[in-house]
C-alpha atoms as a PDB file:
ATOM      1  CA  MET A   1       5.625 -10.905   1.963  1.00  0.00           C
ATOM      2  CA  ASN A   2       3.027 -12.658   4.082  1.00  0.00           C
ATOM      3  CA  LEU A   3       0.644 -14.952   2.205  1.00  0.00           C
ATOM      4  CA  ALA A   4      -2.383 -16.409   3.978  1.00  0.00           C
ATOM      5  CA  THR A   5      -2.173 -20.106   4.833  1.00  0.00           C
ATOM      6  CA  ASP A   6      -4.914 -21.284   2.477  1.00  0.00           C
ATOM      7  CA  TRP A   7      -3.268 -19.590  -0.490  1.00  0.00           C
ATOM      8  CA  SER A   8       0.148 -20.906   0.551  1.00  0.00           C
ATOM      9  CA  HIS A   9      -1.312 -24.405   0.505  1.00  0.00           C
ATOM     10  CA  LEU A  10      -2.920 -23.932  -2.916  1.00  0.00           C
ATOM     11  CA  LEU A  11       0.316 -22.513  -4.344  1.00  0.00           C
ATOM     12  CA  LYS A  12       2.774 -24.700  -2.444  1.00  0.00           C
ATOM     13  CA  GLU A  13       4.544 -26.010  -5.543  1.00  0.00           C
ATOM     14  CA  GLU A  14       4.859 -22.547  -7.053  1.00  0.00           C
ATOM     15  CA  LEU A  15       6.257 -21.019  -3.874  1.00  0.00           C
ATOM     16  CA  GLN A  16       9.021 -23.616  -3.782  1.00  0.00           C
ATOM     17  CA  LYS A  17      10.253 -22.995  -7.323  1.00  0.00           C
ATOM     18  CA  ASP A  18      13.647 -21.421  -7.867  1.00  0.00           C
ATOM     19  CA  SER A  19      11.994 -18.734  -9.980  1.00  0.00           C
ATOM     20  CA  PHE A  20       9.825 -17.607  -7.081  1.00  0.00           C
ATOM     21  CA  LEU A  21      12.749 -17.658  -4.668  1.00  0.00           C
ATOM     22  CA  GLN A  22      14.700 -15.478  -7.104  1.00  0.00           C
ATOM     23  CA  LEU A  23      11.705 -13.153  -7.366  1.00  0.00           C
ATOM     24  CA  THR A  24      11.570 -12.883  -3.578  1.00  0.00           C
ATOM     25  CA  THR A  25      15.245 -11.890  -3.482  1.00  0.00           C
ATOM     26  CA  PHE A  26      14.698  -9.278  -6.188  1.00  0.00           C
ATOM     27  CA  ILE A  27      11.682  -7.809  -4.390  1.00  0.00           C
ATOM     28  CA  LYS A  28      13.425  -7.552  -1.027  1.00  0.00           C
ATOM     29  CA  ASP A  29      16.373  -5.777  -2.648  1.00  0.00           C
ATOM     30  CA  ALA A  30      14.081  -3.421  -4.576  1.00  0.00           C
ATOM     31  CA  TYR A  31      12.167  -2.388  -1.456  1.00  0.00           C
ATOM     32  CA  THR A  32      15.447  -1.812   0.365  1.00  0.00           C
ATOM     33  CA  HIS A  33      16.997   0.484  -2.231  1.00  0.00           C
ATOM     34  CA  LYS A  34      14.118   2.057  -4.185  1.00  0.00           C
ATOM     35  CA  THR A  35      10.594   3.362  -3.765  1.00  0.00           C
ATOM     36  CA  ILE A  36       8.290   0.492  -4.649  1.00  0.00           C
ATOM     37  CA  TYR A  37       4.503   0.215  -4.608  1.00  0.00           C
ATOM     38  CA  PRO A  38       2.333  -0.993  -3.000  1.00  0.00           C
ATOM     39  CA  LYS A  39       3.563  -1.030   0.589  1.00  0.00           C
ATOM     40  CA  TYR A  40       5.555  -4.174   1.272  1.00  0.00           C
ATOM     41  CA  ASP A  41       2.870  -5.538   3.610  1.00  0.00           C
ATOM     42  CA  ASP A  42       0.223  -4.975   0.916  1.00  0.00           C
ATOM     43  CA  ILE A  43       1.860  -7.017  -1.859  1.00  0.00           C
ATOM     44  CA  PHE A  44      -0.446  -9.971  -1.189  1.00  0.00           C
ATOM     45  CA  ARG A  45      -3.393  -7.933   0.083  1.00  0.00           C
ATOM     46  CA  ALA A  46      -5.665  -9.201  -2.711  1.00  0.00           C
ATOM     47  CA  PHE A  47      -5.000 -12.738  -1.487  1.00  0.00           C
ATOM     48  CA  ASN A  48      -5.284 -12.009   2.200  1.00  0.00           C
ATOM     49  CA  LEU A  49      -8.681 -10.315   1.912  1.00  0.00           C
ATOM     50  CA  VAL A  50     -10.287 -13.287   0.131  1.00  0.00           C
ATOM     51  CA  LYS A  51     -10.080 -16.896   1.232  1.00  0.00           C
ATOM     52  CA  VAL A  52      -9.564 -19.410  -1.556  1.00  0.00           C
ATOM     53  CA  GLU A  53     -12.902 -21.028  -0.770  1.00  0.00           C
ATOM     54  CA  ASP A  54     -14.691 -17.669  -1.022  1.00  0.00           C
ATOM     55  CA  VAL A  55     -13.414 -16.558  -4.435  1.00  0.00           C
ATOM     56  CA  LYS A  56     -16.288 -15.987  -6.866  1.00  0.00           C
ATOM     57  CA  VAL A  57     -14.970 -13.408  -9.333  1.00  0.00           C
ATOM     58  CA  ILE A  58     -11.476 -12.710 -10.645  1.00  0.00           C
ATOM     59  CA  ILE A  59     -10.677  -9.322 -12.164  1.00  0.00           C
ATOM     60  CA  ILE A  60      -7.201  -9.231 -13.690  1.00  0.00           C
ATOM     61  CA  GLY A  61      -5.203  -6.018 -14.046  1.00  0.00           C
ATOM     62  CA  GLN A  62      -1.671  -5.427 -15.303  1.00  0.00           C
ATOM     63  CA  ASP A  63       0.578  -3.838 -12.659  1.00  0.00           C
ATOM     64  CA  PRO A  64       0.024  -1.522  -9.679  1.00  0.00           C
ATOM     65  CA  TYR A  65      -0.395   2.238  -9.914  1.00  0.00           C
ATOM     66  CA  HIS A  66       3.049   3.821  -9.841  1.00  0.00           C
ATOM     67  CA  GLY A  67       2.200   7.159  -8.191  1.00  0.00           C
ATOM     68  CA  PRO A  68       2.613   7.995  -4.487  1.00  0.00           C
ATOM     69  CA  ASN A  69      -0.086   6.648  -2.156  1.00  0.00           C
ATOM     70  CA  GLN A  70      -2.112   5.068  -4.973  1.00  0.00           C
ATOM     71  CA  ALA A  71      -1.538   1.303  -5.048  1.00  0.00           C
ATOM     72  CA  ASN A  72      -3.204  -0.592  -2.206  1.00  0.00           C
ATOM     73  CA  GLY A  73      -2.649  -4.196  -3.265  1.00  0.00           C
ATOM     74  CA  LEU A  74      -5.930  -4.574  -5.170  1.00  0.00           C
ATOM     75  CA  ALA A  75      -6.067  -4.246  -8.953  1.00  0.00           C
ATOM     76  CA  PHE A  76      -7.658  -0.957 -10.088  1.00  0.00           C
ATOM     77  CA  SER A  77      -8.194   0.143  -6.464  1.00  0.00           C
ATOM     78  CA  VAL A  78      -6.717   3.100  -4.545  1.00  0.00           C
ATOM     79  CA  TYR A  79      -6.965   4.140  -0.932  1.00  0.00           C
ATOM     80  CA  ALA A  80      -9.866   6.344   0.117  1.00  0.00           C
ATOM     81  CA  GLY A  81      -8.776   9.973  -0.079  1.00  0.00           C
ATOM     82  CA  VAL A  82      -6.671   9.396  -3.182  1.00  0.00           C
ATOM     83  CA  LYS A  83      -7.944  10.804  -6.483  1.00  0.00           C
ATOM     84  CA  THR A  84      -9.774   8.131  -8.451  1.00  0.00           C
ATOM     85  CA  PRO A  85      -7.625   7.137 -11.480  1.00  0.00           C
ATOM     86  CA  PRO A  86      -9.089   7.458 -14.996  1.00  0.00           C
ATOM     87  CA  SER A  87      -9.555   3.713 -15.597  1.00  0.00           C
ATOM     88  CA  LEU A  88     -11.393   3.302 -12.320  1.00  0.00           C
ATOM     89  CA  ARG A  89     -13.565   6.325 -13.090  1.00  0.00           C
ATOM     90  CA  ASN A  90     -14.638   4.551 -16.264  1.00  0.00           C
ATOM     91  CA  ILE A  91     -15.296   1.341 -14.340  1.00  0.00           C
ATOM     92  CA  TYR A  92     -17.541   3.381 -12.063  1.00  0.00           C
ATOM     93  CA  LYS A  93     -19.366   4.914 -15.043  1.00  0.00           C
ATOM     94  CA  GLU A  94     -20.158   1.424 -16.305  1.00  0.00           C
ATOM     95  CA  LEU A  95     -21.202   0.411 -12.800  1.00  0.00           C
ATOM     96  CA  VAL A  96     -23.730   3.258 -12.737  1.00  0.00           C
ATOM     97  CA  THR A  97     -25.198   2.525 -16.163  1.00  0.00           C
ATOM     98  CA  ASP A  98     -25.108  -1.269 -15.765  1.00  0.00           C
ATOM     99  CA  ILE A  99     -26.868  -1.739 -12.430  1.00  0.00           C
ATOM    100  CA  GLY A 100     -27.892   1.721 -11.299  1.00  0.00           C
ATOM    101  CA  CYS A 101     -25.395   2.310  -8.525  1.00  0.00           C
ATOM    102  CA  THR A 102     -24.709   5.777  -7.217  1.00  0.00           C
ATOM    103  CA  LEU A 103     -21.293   6.986  -8.367  1.00  0.00           C
ATOM    104  CA  PRO A 104     -18.842   5.905  -5.620  1.00  0.00           C
ATOM    105  CA  GLU A 105     -17.170   8.700  -3.683  1.00  0.00           C
ATOM    106  CA  ASN A 106     -13.728   7.075  -3.534  1.00  0.00           C
ATOM    107  CA  GLY A 107     -11.625   4.470  -5.292  1.00  0.00           C
ATOM    108  CA  ASP A 108     -11.319   1.871  -2.537  1.00  0.00           C
ATOM    109  CA  LEU A 109     -12.549  -1.533  -3.746  1.00  0.00           C
ATOM    110  CA  THR A 110     -11.986  -3.360  -0.468  1.00  0.00           C
ATOM    111  CA  LEU A 111     -15.729  -4.068  -0.124  1.00  0.00           C
ATOM    112  CA  TRP A 112     -15.634  -5.971  -3.400  1.00  0.00           C
ATOM    113  CA  ALA A 113     -12.693  -8.035  -2.195  1.00  0.00           C
ATOM    114  CA  LYS A 114     -14.446  -8.935   1.045  1.00  0.00           C
ATOM    115  CA  GLN A 115     -17.314 -10.410  -0.980  1.00  0.00           C
ATOM    116  CA  GLY A 116     -15.108 -12.741  -2.983  1.00  0.00           C
ATOM    117  CA  VAL A 117     -13.911 -10.502  -5.821  1.00  0.00           C
ATOM    118  CA  PHE A 118     -10.241 -11.368  -6.328  1.00  0.00           C
ATOM    119  CA  LEU A 119      -8.604  -8.215  -7.702  1.00  0.00           C
ATOM    120  CA  ILE A 120      -5.231  -9.394  -8.908  1.00  0.00           C
ATOM    121  CA  ASN A 121      -2.628  -7.751 -11.104  1.00  0.00           C
ATOM    122  CA  SER A 122      -0.406  -9.827 -13.380  1.00  0.00           C
ATOM    123  CA  VAL A 123       2.567  -8.063 -11.771  1.00  0.00           C
ATOM    124  CA  LEU A 124       2.230  -7.295  -8.076  1.00  0.00           C
ATOM    125  CA  THR A 125       4.860  -4.570  -7.607  1.00  0.00           C
ATOM    126  CA  VAL A 126       6.197  -1.535  -9.463  1.00  0.00           C
ATOM    127  CA  GLU A 127       8.891   1.098  -9.034  1.00  0.00           C
ATOM    128  CA  GLN A 128       7.732   4.665  -8.444  1.00  0.00           C
ATOM    129  CA  ALA A 129       7.071   6.559 -11.690  1.00  0.00           C
ATOM    130  CA  LYS A 130       8.164   3.561 -13.793  1.00  0.00           C
ATOM    131  CA  PRO A 131       5.138   1.640 -15.097  1.00  0.00           C
ATOM    132  CA  ASN A 132       5.838  -1.985 -16.038  1.00  0.00           C
ATOM    133  CA  SER A 133       9.246  -1.780 -14.334  1.00  0.00           C
ATOM    134  CA  HIS A 134       8.765  -5.158 -12.611  1.00  0.00           C
ATOM    135  CA  GLN A 135       7.572  -7.041 -15.657  1.00  0.00           C
ATOM    136  CA  LYS A 136       9.448 -10.219 -16.504  1.00  0.00           C
ATOM    137  CA  LYS A 137      10.932 -10.497 -13.028  1.00  0.00           C
ATOM    138  CA  GLY A 138       8.901 -13.592 -12.153  1.00  0.00           C
ATOM    139  CA  TRP A 139       5.520 -12.200 -11.145  1.00  0.00           C
ATOM    140  CA  GLU A 140       3.805 -13.278 -14.373  1.00  0.00           C
ATOM    141  CA  GLU A 141       4.770 -16.913 -13.858  1.00  0.00           C
ATOM    142  CA  PHE A 142       3.438 -16.766 -10.309  1.00  0.00           C
ATOM    143  CA  THR A 143       0.128 -15.058 -11.099  1.00  0.00           C
ATOM    144  CA  ASN A 144      -0.442 -17.303 -14.115  1.00  0.00           C
ATOM    145  CA  ALA A 145      -0.144 -20.243 -11.741  1.00  0.00           C
ATOM    146  CA  VAL A 146      -2.678 -18.607  -9.423  1.00  0.00           C
ATOM    147  CA  ILE A 147      -5.205 -18.251 -12.249  1.00  0.00           C
ATOM    148  CA  GLU A 148      -4.619 -21.781 -13.527  1.00  0.00           C
ATOM    149  CA  ARG A 149      -5.028 -23.329 -10.089  1.00  0.00           C
ATOM    150  CA  LEU A 150      -8.201 -21.396  -9.313  1.00  0.00           C
ATOM    151  CA  SER A 151      -9.600 -22.549 -12.636  1.00  0.00           C
ATOM    152  CA  ARG A 152      -8.624 -26.142 -11.957  1.00  0.00           C
ATOM    153  CA  GLU A 153      -9.652 -26.400  -8.315  1.00  0.00           C
ATOM    154  CA  LYS A 154     -12.911 -24.440  -8.355  1.00  0.00           C
ATOM    155  CA  GLU A 155     -16.117 -24.326 -10.393  1.00  0.00           C
ATOM    156  CA  ASN A 156     -18.416 -21.623 -11.725  1.00  0.00           C
ATOM    157  CA  LEU A 157     -16.082 -18.684 -11.263  1.00  0.00           C
ATOM    158  CA  VAL A 158     -16.365 -15.485 -13.277  1.00  0.00           C
ATOM    159  CA  PHE A 159     -13.151 -14.251 -14.875  1.00  0.00           C
ATOM    160  CA  ILE A 160     -13.331 -10.623 -16.020  1.00  0.00           C
ATOM    161  CA  LEU A 161     -10.626  -9.843 -18.584  1.00  0.00           C
ATOM    162  CA  TRP A 162     -10.277  -6.216 -19.625  1.00  0.00           C
ATOM    163  CA  GLY A 163      -7.799  -5.413 -22.386  1.00  0.00           C
ATOM    164  CA  GLY A 164      -5.429  -7.474 -24.489  1.00  0.00           C
ATOM    165  CA  PRO A 165      -2.865  -8.479 -21.835  1.00  0.00           C
ATOM    166  CA  SER A 166      -5.551  -9.787 -19.481  1.00  0.00           C
ATOM    167  CA  GLN A 167      -7.365 -11.590 -22.283  1.00  0.00           C
ATOM    168  CA  LYS A 168      -4.214 -13.566 -23.034  1.00  0.00           C
ATOM    169  CA  LYS A 169      -4.837 -15.261 -19.669  1.00  0.00           C
ATOM    170  CA  GLU A 170      -7.899 -17.008 -21.093  1.00  0.00           C
ATOM    171  CA  ILE A 171      -5.680 -19.891 -22.150  1.00  0.00           C
ATOM    172  CA  LEU A 172      -5.196 -20.652 -18.432  1.00  0.00           C
ATOM    173  CA  ILE A 173      -8.930 -20.903 -17.770  1.00  0.00           C
ATOM    174  CA  ASP A 174     -11.226 -23.898 -18.270  1.00  0.00           C
ATOM    175  CA  THR A 175     -14.034 -22.155 -20.130  1.00  0.00           C
ATOM    176  CA  ASP A 176     -16.237 -25.264 -19.895  1.00  0.00           C
ATOM    177  CA  LYS A 177     -16.768 -24.727 -16.172  1.00  0.00           C
ATOM    178  CA  HIS A 178     -16.222 -20.987 -15.718  1.00  0.00           C
ATOM    179  CA  LEU A 179     -17.620 -17.812 -17.258  1.00  0.00           C
ATOM    180  CA  VAL A 180     -15.140 -15.526 -19.036  1.00  0.00           C
ATOM    181  CA  LEU A 181     -16.225 -11.941 -19.703  1.00  0.00           C
ATOM    182  CA  LYS A 182     -14.002  -9.986 -22.081  1.00  0.00           C
ATOM    183  CA  ALA A 183     -14.049  -6.307 -23.035  1.00  0.00           C
ATOM    184  CA  PRO A 184     -11.605  -3.538 -23.957  1.00  0.00           C
ATOM    185  CA  HIS A 185      -9.610  -2.015 -21.126  1.00  0.00           C
ATOM    186  CA  PRO A 186     -11.436   0.742 -19.185  1.00  0.00           C
ATOM    187  CA  SER A 187      -8.647   3.244 -19.822  1.00  0.00           C
ATOM    188  CA  PRO A 188      -9.639   6.509 -21.549  1.00  0.00           C
ATOM    189  CA  LEU A 189      -7.840   5.290 -24.675  1.00  0.00           C
ATOM    190  CA  SER A 190     -10.034   2.230 -25.170  1.00  0.00           C
ATOM    191  CA  ALA A 191     -13.150   2.419 -22.991  1.00  0.00           C
ATOM    192  CA  TYR A 192     -15.294   3.743 -25.833  1.00  0.00           C
ATOM    193  CA  ARG A 193     -14.321   0.805 -28.051  1.00  0.00           C
ATOM    194  CA  GLY A 194     -16.606  -1.579 -26.225  1.00  0.00           C
ATOM    195  CA  PHE A 195     -15.941  -1.380 -22.511  1.00  0.00           C
ATOM    196  CA  PHE A 196     -18.893   0.917 -21.993  1.00  0.00           C
ATOM    197  CA  GLY A 197     -22.034  -1.142 -22.384  1.00  0.00           C
ATOM    198  CA  SER A 198     -20.328  -4.477 -21.740  1.00  0.00           C
ATOM    199  CA  LYS A 199     -22.364  -4.935 -18.517  1.00  0.00           C
ATOM    200  CA  PRO A 200     -19.834  -7.053 -16.585  1.00  0.00           C
ATOM    201  CA  PHE A 201     -21.465  -6.492 -13.202  1.00  0.00           C
ATOM    202  CA  SER A 202     -24.992  -7.574 -14.076  1.00  0.00           C
ATOM    203  CA  LYS A 203     -23.741 -10.488 -16.204  1.00  0.00           C
ATOM    204  CA  THR A 204     -21.604 -11.670 -13.300  1.00  0.00           C
ATOM    205  CA  ASN A 205     -24.486 -11.651 -10.857  1.00  0.00           C
ATOM    206  CA  VAL A 206     -26.858 -13.401 -13.251  1.00  0.00           C
ATOM    207  CA  TYR A 207     -24.281 -16.187 -13.630  1.00  0.00           C
ATOM    208  CA  LEU A 208     -23.594 -16.463  -9.896  1.00  0.00           C
ATOM    209  CA  LYS A 209     -27.296 -16.684  -9.082  1.00  0.00           C
ATOM    210  CA  LYS A 210     -27.782 -19.288 -11.828  1.00  0.00           C
ATOM    211  CA  HIS A 211     -25.179 -21.427 -10.064  1.00  0.00           C
ATOM    212  CA  SER A 212     -26.676 -20.901  -6.592  1.00  0.00           C
ATOM    213  CA  LYS A 213     -24.024 -18.465  -5.434  1.00  0.00           C
ATOM    214  CA  GLU A 214     -24.683 -15.226  -3.609  1.00  0.00           C
ATOM    215  CA  SER A 215     -24.424 -12.267  -5.964  1.00  0.00           C
ATOM    216  CA  ILE A 216     -21.903  -9.469  -5.479  1.00  0.00           C
ATOM    217  CA  GLN A 217     -23.089  -6.204  -3.962  1.00  0.00           C
ATOM    218  CA  TRP A 218     -21.220  -4.068  -6.454  1.00  0.00           C
ATOM    219  CA  CYS A 219     -22.572  -0.726  -5.294  1.00  0.00           C
ATOM    220  CA  LEU A 220     -20.168   1.014  -2.930  1.00  0.00           C
ATOM    221  CA  ASP A 221     -22.688   3.468  -1.480  1.00  0.00           C
ATOM    222  CA  ASN A 222     -24.359   1.059   0.972  1.00  0.00           C
ATOM    223  CA  LYS A 223     -27.487   0.958  -1.177  1.00  0.00           C
ATOM    224  CA  SER A 224     -28.855  -2.176  -2.772  1.00  0.00           C
ATOM    225  CA  SER A 225     -28.088  -2.819  -6.410  1.00  0.00           C
ATOM    226  CA  LEU A 226     -30.661  -4.176  -8.807  1.00  0.00           C
ATOM    227  CA  PHE A 227     -29.219  -7.694  -8.614  1.00  0.00           C
END
């Protein structure tokens, strides 16, 4: 599990804890004996695509997709060529109605990550066909520390919390110096309860521009968005 140097520095204390060392042992054993997603080299892909200094937006998911060839290390994202999952389809629907993007052709969110959108799951690995199978193995403690340190060390970030589990992370965030956007999860079961119409993309860019930060080019079709 290779973690970029700047993140290793930010999380130095966490990486040295016995709990993280035990997690590392568990993960290595799991990848040796079972089918685990994402690919081993992609576990920290969300971190390695965004430098600490470049983070502007944090979108928090739960755990990776558990089907073959889906998880790519970024929350909600899948590799190009893989069928877009239902939750991501709903995210795209909101993207279209919120800022007028063309419906993206694939589910790869790498372009968001490269602009400073930190797409992190609370749990970074999962066993094939067993959702939530790596909960309470140590990932939550680690990712909570990531959120808390970003909140503490940086200013004027946007935290996007979709669904109950993600919204519980608000306690880790200094809401006096960051924007927190909350809405129901984009899954088919809850999207119509308030996710649709929540306008997270336009609200994010309005906030970033207010604080003299470059807005996110949310559209994934190489066309300019309205913000």
